[in-house]
Each structure stands twice: as structure tokens, then as C-alpha cells.
Protein backbone atom coordinates (compact mmCIF):
# COMPACT_ATOMS: atom_id res chain seq x y z
CA MET A 1 72.19 -60.37 111.88
CA ASP A 2 70.16 -57.77 110.02
CA ILE A 3 67.40 -56.66 112.37
CA THR A 4 66.41 -53.46 110.59
CA SER A 5 66.76 -51.86 107.20
CA VAL A 6 66.47 -48.17 106.39
CA ASP A 7 65.41 -46.95 102.96
CA ASN A 8 66.19 -43.61 101.33
CA ALA A 9 63.05 -42.06 102.78
CA GLY A 10 64.34 -42.77 106.28
CA LYS A 11 61.81 -45.51 106.98
CA ILE A 12 62.94 -48.24 109.30
CA ASN A 13 61.68 -51.74 108.51
CA LEU A 14 61.49 -54.37 111.23
CA PRO A 15 60.87 -58.09 110.84
CA LEU A 16 57.44 -59.07 112.15
CA ASN A 17 58.82 -61.24 114.96
CA ILE A 18 61.00 -58.41 116.28
CA ALA A 19 58.17 -55.89 116.01
CA THR A 20 55.73 -58.22 117.74
CA ARG A 21 58.19 -58.89 120.54
CA CYS A 22 58.59 -55.14 121.02
CA GLY A 23 54.84 -54.53 120.83
CA ILE A 24 55.19 -52.47 117.66
CA LYS A 25 52.41 -52.53 115.08
CA PRO A 26 52.77 -51.78 111.33
CA GLY A 27 52.49 -48.10 110.45
CA VAL A 28 53.10 -46.88 114.00
CA LEU A 29 54.85 -43.53 114.35
CA LEU A 30 57.72 -43.15 116.78
CA GLN A 31 59.25 -39.81 117.70
CA GLY A 32 62.95 -39.73 116.89
CA PRO A 33 65.71 -38.41 119.17
CA LEU A 34 65.87 -35.08 117.37
CA GLU A 35 63.13 -32.49 117.31
CA GLY A 36 61.01 -32.87 114.19
CA ASN A 37 62.59 -36.23 113.42
CA THR A 38 60.00 -38.96 112.92
CA ILE A 39 60.58 -42.67 112.49
CA ILE A 40 57.93 -44.45 110.43
CA LEU A 41 57.77 -48.23 110.77
CA THR A 42 56.42 -49.81 107.62
CA LYS A 43 56.51 -52.98 105.56
CA ILE A 44 56.30 -55.27 108.58
CA ASP A 45 55.65 -58.63 106.95
CA HIS A 46 56.42 -62.27 107.50
CA ALA A 47 59.91 -63.19 106.33
């Protein structure tokens, strides 16, 4: 089951139903585990 996909720019894409369940909105920025590492959630669309 492919929940996420990561492109070459390091963006993590989540299906809309997963994002909604987690309370994540399109374009939200999440701080990554490493200093200066940012996760950008984009392209959250209906499957």
C-alpha cells in the first residue's frame, strides 16, 4: 500500500483521505527530524 510518495525535491505527497484523517492541509510545512530539514506537503488531491 503506497501511502506517500517522495519526489526529487524531497516533497512528500499524501493522499487526501490520509491527510484529512491526520488533520493535514495542502501546503502545510512540517519540521523534519534534522535541523534545517523541512518537509513540504503538496499535491494533496482526490485519487
